[in-house]
Amino acid sequence: MTVGVVVLAAGGSSRLGRPKQLVVHQGKTLVRRAAEIAVTAECGPVVVVLGAHHDTVALELAGLPVLKVEHAEWAAGPGGSLVAGVRALTQMRAIDGGTVDAVLVMLCDQLRVDSAHLRALVETWRRTGADVVASAYEETRGVPALFARAVFPELAALGPEQGARGVIAREPSRVTEVPLPGGGEDVDTAADLARLK
């Protein structure tokens, strides 16, 4: 069963005041780090959705076996980026004569996410057959999260201002959790950036 990964890296980082995708952490930009984690998890094909500062951010992905997808309407909200990423993934597989059985959605700025966690999400899905496998942290369920093919129509119907968390919360009984200690640590503000340094 094929699992594709969609890395959401299109936002304008308005609260941070500079592109979070290009923030350097442990010697790598956040977008490069996230893409490498997705690739080394060896789940399946990887799509990185770009928007704001797309040319500069795309340069950070040089040499990686990822499909870069530019989402022109990134400013409208995260839902459109997610729709664009899932669509690109399924179209890419269709060209190869295959299908995508699940999609794993991740952000570029969650500092506690690593390849082992992504693999744990996939392994949990393969073991349980759950429609949704979400990361559990800070008393919530969120991304990175895996969505089985049965949930794709819900992802495709997302409005621009919506995100994956709404799909996760819609029907709690279909969700299986994988703990992600510190999963809420991301880079949204100058204070977050100062904490990194």
Protein backbone atom coordinates (compact mmCIF):
# COMPACT_ATOMS: atom_id res chain seq x y z
CA MET A 1 0.00 0.00 0.00
CA THR A 2 1.41 3.34 -1.09
CA VAL A 3 1.64 6.23 1.34
CA GLY A 4 2.49 9.66 -0.01
CA VAL A 5 3.77 12.57 2.06
CA VAL A 6 2.63 16.17 1.68
CA VAL A 7 4.84 18.79 3.32
CA LEU A 8 3.02 22.11 3.74
CA ALA A 9 5.51 24.95 3.29
CA ALA A 10 3.50 27.65 1.52
CA GLY A 11 2.65 30.12 4.28
CA GLY A 12 3.72 33.73 4.48
CA SER A 13 4.85 33.59 8.15
CA SER A 14 3.11 36.89 8.93
CA ARG A 15 3.46 36.53 12.71
CA LEU A 16 7.18 35.77 12.41
CA GLY A 17 7.93 38.62 10.02
CA ARG A 18 10.25 36.52 7.85
CA PRO A 19 9.89 33.22 5.95
CA LYS A 20 9.85 30.46 8.56
CA GLN A 21 10.73 27.99 5.80
CA LEU A 22 14.18 29.60 5.63
CA VAL A 23 14.86 29.73 9.37
CA VAL A 24 18.00 27.72 10.13
CA HIS A 25 17.84 25.13 12.91
CA GLN A 26 20.75 22.81 13.64
CA GLY A 27 22.47 23.84 10.43
CA LYS A 28 19.51 23.38 8.07
CA THR A 29 16.57 25.47 6.98
CA LEU A 30 13.26 24.24 8.36
CA VAL A 31 11.93 23.38 4.89
CA ARG A 32 15.04 21.39 4.01
CA ARG A 33 14.91 19.59 7.36
CA ALA A 34 11.22 18.68 6.93
CA ALA A 35 11.71 17.46 3.36
CA GLU A 36 14.70 15.32 4.36
CA ILE A 37 12.69 13.80 7.22
CA ALA A 38 9.88 12.97 4.80
CA VAL A 39 12.28 11.38 2.31
CA THR A 40 14.27 9.37 4.86
CA ALA A 41 11.05 8.00 6.39
CA GLU A 42 10.79 6.04 3.12
CA CYS A 43 6.99 6.08 3.21
CA GLY A 44 6.53 6.85 -0.48
CA PRO A 45 6.54 9.84 -2.84
CA VAL A 46 7.00 13.28 -1.27
CA VAL A 47 5.29 16.50 -2.38
CA VAL A 48 6.33 19.87 -0.97
CA VAL A 49 3.75 22.63 -1.42
CA LEU A 50 5.30 26.06 -1.91
CA GLY A 51 3.69 29.50 -1.98
CA ALA A 52 5.21 32.57 -0.39
CA HIS A 53 8.85 33.12 -1.40
CA HIS A 54 8.53 30.01 -3.57
CA ASP A 55 11.65 30.59 -5.68
CA THR A 56 13.93 31.01 -2.67
CA VAL A 57 12.32 28.17 -0.73
CA ALA A 58 12.53 25.86 -3.75
CA LEU A 59 16.30 26.35 -3.85
CA GLU A 60 16.50 24.80 -0.38
CA LEU A 61 15.12 21.55 -1.81
CA ALA A 62 17.82 21.14 -4.45
CA GLY A 63 18.96 17.56 -4.87
CA LEU A 64 16.09 16.02 -2.93
CA PRO A 65 13.73 13.52 -4.63
CA VAL A 66 10.60 15.58 -4.00
CA LEU A 67 7.93 17.06 -6.24
CA LYS A 68 7.69 20.82 -5.72
CA VAL A 69 4.16 22.16 -6.19
CA GLU A 70 3.55 25.89 -6.36
CA HIS A 71 0.23 26.97 -4.88
CA ALA A 72 -0.47 30.48 -6.13
CA GLU A 73 -3.37 31.13 -3.75
CA TRP A 74 -1.42 30.27 -0.61
CA ALA A 75 -2.45 33.51 1.13
CA ALA A 76 -6.10 32.37 1.30
CA GLY A 77 -5.24 29.79 3.94
CA PRO A 78 -3.81 26.31 4.57
CA GLY A 79 -6.74 24.34 3.14
CA GLY A 80 -5.90 25.20 -0.43
CA SER A 81 -2.28 24.14 0.03
CA LEU A 82 -3.39 20.80 1.42
CA VAL A 83 -5.82 20.26 -1.46
CA ALA A 84 -3.08 21.14 -3.98
CA GLY A 85 -0.62 18.74 -2.35
CA VAL A 86 -2.99 15.78 -2.24
CA ARG A 87 -4.10 16.42 -5.83
CA ALA A 88 -0.49 16.53 -7.05
CA LEU A 89 0.30 13.32 -5.21
CA THR A 90 -2.63 11.37 -6.65
CA GLN A 91 -2.01 12.71 -10.16
CA MET A 92 1.67 11.79 -9.96
CA ARG A 93 0.82 8.22 -8.97
CA ALA A 94 -1.88 7.97 -11.67
CA ILE A 95 0.68 8.86 -14.33
CA ASP A 96 2.77 5.94 -13.08
CA GLY A 97 -0.26 3.69 -13.22
CA GLY A 98 -0.64 3.47 -9.44
CA THR A 99 -2.76 4.86 -6.65
CA VAL A 100 -2.17 6.47 -3.28
CA ASP A 101 -3.69 4.50 -0.40
CA ALA A 102 -2.97 7.09 2.27
CA VAL A 103 -1.46 10.54 2.58
CA LEU A 104 0.70 11.73 5.45
CA VAL A 105 0.45 15.48 6.03
CA MET A 106 3.19 17.39 7.84
CA LEU A 107 4.29 20.97 8.42
CA CYS A 108 7.78 22.33 7.93
CA ASP A 109 8.21 23.84 11.40
CA GLN A 110 7.40 21.14 13.97
CA LEU A 111 10.73 20.68 15.66
CA ARG A 112 9.99 17.38 17.42
CA VAL A 113 9.01 15.50 14.28
CA ASP A 114 11.51 13.01 12.91
CA SER A 115 11.48 10.12 10.44
CA ALA A 116 10.82 7.60 13.22
CA HIS A 117 7.60 9.39 14.12
CA LEU A 118 6.41 9.41 10.51
CA ARG A 119 7.16 5.70 10.25
CA ALA A 120 5.22 5.10 13.48
CA LEU A 121 2.18 6.80 11.97
CA VAL A 122 2.39 4.60 8.87
CA GLU A 123 2.98 1.41 10.86
CA THR A 124 0.01 2.20 13.12
CA TRP A 125 -2.21 2.69 10.07
CA ARG A 126 -1.06 -0.58 8.52
CA ARG A 127 -1.67 -2.41 11.79
CA THR A 128 -5.06 -0.88 12.66
CA GLY A 129 -6.56 0.10 9.31
CA ALA A 130 -7.75 3.36 10.90
CA ASP A 131 -9.10 6.07 8.61
CA VAL A 132 -7.02 8.69 10.41
CA VAL A 133 -3.81 8.32 12.43
CA ALA A 134 -2.94 11.58 14.18
CA SER A 135 -0.14 12.83 16.38
CA ALA A 136 -1.21 13.41 19.97
CA TYR A 137 0.28 16.31 21.93
CA GLU A 138 -0.82 19.03 24.35
CA GLU A 139 -4.22 17.37 24.83
CA THR A 140 -5.05 17.59 21.14
CA ARG A 141 -4.79 15.59 17.93
CA GLY A 142 -2.98 17.16 15.03
CA VAL A 143 -0.40 16.86 12.31
CA PRO A 144 1.67 15.07 11.30
CA ALA A 145 -1.33 12.93 10.53
CA LEU A 146 -2.11 10.15 8.09
CA PHE A 147 -5.37 10.04 6.16
CA ALA A 148 -6.52 6.84 4.46
CA ARG A 149 -7.97 6.93 0.96
CA ALA A 150 -11.54 6.87 2.33
CA VAL A 151 -10.92 10.35 3.77
CA PHE A 152 -9.55 11.88 0.54
CA PRO A 153 -12.94 13.36 -0.49
CA GLU A 154 -13.04 15.29 2.80
CA LEU A 155 -9.54 16.63 2.19
CA ALA A 156 -10.48 17.61 -1.37
CA ALA A 157 -13.50 19.53 -0.07
CA LEU A 158 -11.55 21.69 2.37
CA GLY A 159 -12.05 25.43 2.08
CA PRO A 160 -8.98 27.69 1.98
CA GLU A 161 -9.34 28.74 5.61
CA GLN A 162 -9.68 25.17 6.87
CA GLY A 163 -6.95 22.73 7.75
CA ALA A 164 -6.27 19.10 8.50
CA ARG A 165 -7.16 19.48 12.18
CA GLY A 166 -10.85 19.95 11.32
CA VAL A 167 -10.89 16.66 9.41
CA ILE A 168 -9.19 14.93 12.34
CA ALA A 169 -11.73 16.31 14.82
CA ARG A 170 -14.81 15.65 12.68
CA GLU A 171 -15.27 12.04 13.73
CA PRO A 172 -13.11 11.21 16.78
CA SER A 173 -14.01 7.52 16.80
CA ARG A 174 -12.19 6.89 13.53
CA VAL A 175 -8.91 8.38 14.77
CA THR A 176 -5.99 6.43 16.22
CA GLU A 177 -3.29 8.36 18.07
CA VAL A 178 0.48 8.18 18.11
CA PRO A 179 2.06 10.26 20.92
CA LEU A 180 4.38 13.09 19.90
CA PRO A 181 5.92 14.64 23.02
CA GLY A 182 6.56 18.33 22.43
CA GLY A 183 4.57 18.27 19.19
CA GLY A 184 3.30 21.78 19.80
CA GLU A 185 6.78 23.27 19.54
CA ASP A 186 6.81 25.13 16.26
CA VAL A 187 8.05 28.42 14.84
CA ASP A 188 5.30 31.03 14.56
CA THR A 189 6.59 34.09 16.40
CA ALA A 190 9.78 35.96 17.21
CA ALA A 191 9.67 34.38 20.68
CA ASP A 192 9.67 30.92 19.12
CA LEU A 193 12.65 31.92 17.01
CA ALA A 194 14.51 33.25 20.04
CA ARG A 195 13.88 29.96 21.83
CA LEU A 196 15.56 28.11 18.95
CA LYS A 197 18.70 30.14 19.35
